[in-house]
Amino acid sequence: MHSSYMQEAIEEAHKALLIDEVPIGAVVVYNGKIIGRGYNQRETLGDPTAHAEMIAIRQAAQSLGSWRLTGAALYVTLEPCPMCAGAIVNARISTLVYGANDPKAGAVSSLMNIVQDQRLNHTVAEVIAGIREAECAQLLRGFFKQLRRK
């Protein structure tokens, strides 16, 4: 189950790759249905908040007609940054599943753990890391290797 939803997130990441964006993709799942999709569009939109997770969360909230995404799961190819981790907490997402760790900006396990910080008014109940990790990491490595060649 986790692998198939992560595949959907990977497909979103490929959409970012096609437009020369950092290949990160995300999907929000609620009651077994994908209700939000997103991929990085920071350069395209000129928007520092246009991360895959933010776009998927916005779409999911619109789909449900509520900012509260309790019971939803977010699948993302890379460990969320502090901004996205905060949005995940604020959206009341119950489960976070991610592929590759982000040692430079990860705010779930690498640098800090915002999504399960007990000092906050809400925490993510379940975090699952490493789903299709090698594939997710390779997408990013390939992108940055290509970028360095340019």
Protein backbone atom coordinates (compact mmCIF):
# COMPACT_ATOMS: atom_id res chain seq x y z
CA MET A 1 0.00 0.00 0.00
CA HIS A 2 2.67 2.55 1.02
CA SER A 3 4.72 1.68 -2.04
CA SER A 4 1.87 2.32 -4.47
CA TYR A 5 1.05 5.73 -2.98
CA MET A 6 4.74 6.60 -2.98
CA GLN A 7 4.77 5.67 -6.66
CA GLU A 8 2.11 8.36 -7.18
CA ALA A 9 4.35 10.86 -5.37
CA ILE A 10 7.30 9.78 -7.54
CA GLU A 11 5.19 10.41 -10.63
CA GLU A 12 4.51 13.93 -9.32
CA ALA A 13 8.27 14.39 -8.83
CA HIS A 14 8.79 13.46 -12.49
CA LYS A 15 6.45 16.34 -13.44
CA ALA A 16 8.80 18.71 -11.61
CA LEU A 17 11.76 17.20 -13.41
CA LEU A 18 10.13 17.91 -16.78
CA ILE A 19 10.05 21.64 -16.00
CA ASP A 20 13.56 21.79 -14.48
CA GLU A 21 12.33 21.98 -10.90
CA VAL A 22 13.85 19.99 -8.04
CA PRO A 23 12.08 16.62 -8.42
CA ILE A 24 10.00 16.30 -5.28
CA GLY A 25 6.44 15.05 -5.39
CA ALA A 26 3.65 14.56 -2.88
CA VAL A 27 0.15 13.14 -2.59
CA VAL A 28 -2.43 13.34 0.18
CA VAL A 29 -4.55 10.23 0.73
CA TYR A 30 -7.86 10.21 2.60
CA ASN A 31 -10.08 7.14 2.96
CA GLY A 32 -8.00 5.32 0.36
CA LYS A 33 -8.37 8.06 -2.26
CA ILE A 34 -5.82 10.63 -3.44
CA ILE A 35 -7.34 14.04 -2.70
CA GLY A 36 -4.27 16.22 -3.27
CA ARG A 37 -1.25 16.16 -5.55
CA GLY A 38 1.74 18.42 -5.81
CA TYR A 39 5.23 18.80 -7.16
CA ASN A 40 7.85 21.47 -6.67
CA GLN A 41 7.12 24.66 -8.61
CA ARG A 42 9.18 27.30 -6.78
CA GLU A 43 11.06 28.47 -9.87
CA THR A 44 8.06 28.21 -12.20
CA LEU A 45 5.73 30.17 -9.93
CA GLY A 46 8.38 32.39 -8.36
CA ASP A 47 6.93 31.34 -5.03
CA PRO A 48 9.14 30.19 -2.14
CA THR A 49 6.18 28.29 -0.66
CA ALA A 50 5.45 26.26 -3.82
CA HIS A 51 6.87 23.05 -2.39
CA ALA A 52 5.26 19.74 -3.38
CA GLU A 53 3.78 19.23 0.09
CA MET A 54 2.27 22.71 0.29
CA ILE A 55 0.57 22.34 -3.09
CA ALA A 56 -0.76 18.87 -2.24
CA ILE A 57 -2.03 20.04 1.17
CA ARG A 58 -3.82 23.05 -0.37
CA GLN A 59 -5.48 20.83 -2.95
CA ALA A 60 -6.51 18.29 -0.31
CA ALA A 61 -8.03 21.01 1.89
CA GLN A 62 -9.99 22.32 -1.08
CA SER A 63 -11.14 18.80 -1.89
CA LEU A 64 -12.46 18.25 1.64
CA GLY A 65 -13.68 21.81 2.08
CA SER A 66 -11.75 22.06 5.33
CA TRP A 67 -8.23 22.95 6.45
CA ARG A 68 -8.36 20.07 8.92
CA LEU A 69 -6.97 16.96 7.25
CA THR A 70 -7.37 14.67 10.25
CA GLY A 71 -7.23 11.07 9.10
CA ALA A 72 -5.23 11.92 5.98
CA ALA A 73 -1.80 10.61 5.04
CA LEU A 74 0.82 12.62 3.18
CA TYR A 75 3.27 10.75 0.96
CA VAL A 76 6.31 12.76 -0.15
CA THR A 77 9.51 11.73 -1.89
CA LEU A 78 11.80 13.77 0.40
CA GLU A 79 11.76 14.43 4.13
CA PRO A 80 9.84 17.69 4.64
CA CYS A 81 11.60 20.97 5.41
CA PRO A 82 10.63 23.11 8.45
CA MET A 83 8.00 25.09 6.49
CA CYS A 84 6.31 21.95 5.17
CA ALA A 85 6.59 20.16 8.51
CA GLY A 86 4.79 23.11 10.10
CA ALA A 87 2.07 22.98 7.46
CA ILE A 88 1.67 19.24 8.04
CA VAL A 89 1.16 19.87 11.77
CA ASN A 90 -1.20 22.80 11.15
CA ALA A 91 -3.26 20.75 8.69
CA ARG A 92 -3.68 18.03 11.32
CA ILE A 93 -2.37 15.33 8.98
CA SER A 94 -2.36 12.00 10.82
CA THR A 95 0.30 10.05 8.92
CA LEU A 96 3.46 11.16 7.13
CA VAL A 97 5.26 8.79 4.78
CA TYR A 98 8.44 9.90 3.05
CA GLY A 99 11.13 8.39 0.87
CA ALA A 100 14.59 9.90 1.25
CA ASN A 101 16.07 11.75 4.22
CA ASP A 102 17.18 15.36 3.75
CA PRO A 103 20.35 15.88 5.81
CA LYS A 104 20.50 19.60 4.95
CA ALA A 105 16.90 20.68 5.59
CA GLY A 106 14.93 17.73 6.95
CA ALA A 107 12.61 18.65 9.80
CA VAL A 108 11.27 15.19 10.63
CA SER A 109 14.36 13.20 11.56
CA SER A 110 17.52 14.71 10.07
CA LEU A 111 17.85 18.11 11.78
CA MET A 112 14.83 18.17 14.09
CA ASN A 113 11.40 16.60 14.47
CA ILE A 114 8.76 19.30 14.14
CA VAL A 115 5.94 16.91 13.25
CA GLN A 116 6.15 15.05 16.56
CA ASP A 117 7.26 17.85 18.87
CA GLN A 118 5.09 17.40 21.97
CA ARG A 119 5.26 21.12 22.74
CA LEU A 120 2.97 21.83 19.77
CA ASN A 121 -0.82 21.65 19.94
CA HIS A 122 -0.91 18.80 17.42
CA THR A 123 1.49 16.09 16.33
CA VAL A 124 1.56 13.61 13.48
CA ALA A 125 0.51 10.25 14.92
CA GLU A 126 2.61 8.11 12.60
CA VAL A 127 5.78 8.77 10.63
CA ILE A 128 7.11 6.17 8.20
CA ALA A 129 10.46 6.87 6.56
CA GLY A 130 12.40 5.14 3.83
CA ILE A 131 9.59 4.00 1.52
CA ARG A 132 11.23 3.59 -1.91
CA GLU A 133 14.13 5.55 -0.49
CA ALA A 134 16.72 4.58 -3.12
CA GLU A 135 14.45 5.58 -6.00
CA CYS A 136 13.51 8.89 -4.38
CA ALA A 137 17.14 9.72 -3.57
CA GLN A 138 18.32 8.80 -7.06
CA LEU A 139 15.84 11.23 -8.63
CA LEU A 140 17.40 14.05 -6.64
CA ARG A 141 21.00 12.94 -7.16
CA GLY A 142 20.44 12.71 -10.90
CA PHE A 143 18.85 16.16 -11.03
CA PHE A 144 21.67 17.87 -9.14
CA LYS A 145 24.34 15.98 -11.09
CA GLN A 146 22.76 17.25 -14.32
CA LEU A 147 22.51 20.77 -12.89
CA ARG A 148 26.20 20.81 -12.02
CA ARG A 149 27.05 19.84 -15.60
CA LYS A 150 25.22 22.90 -16.98
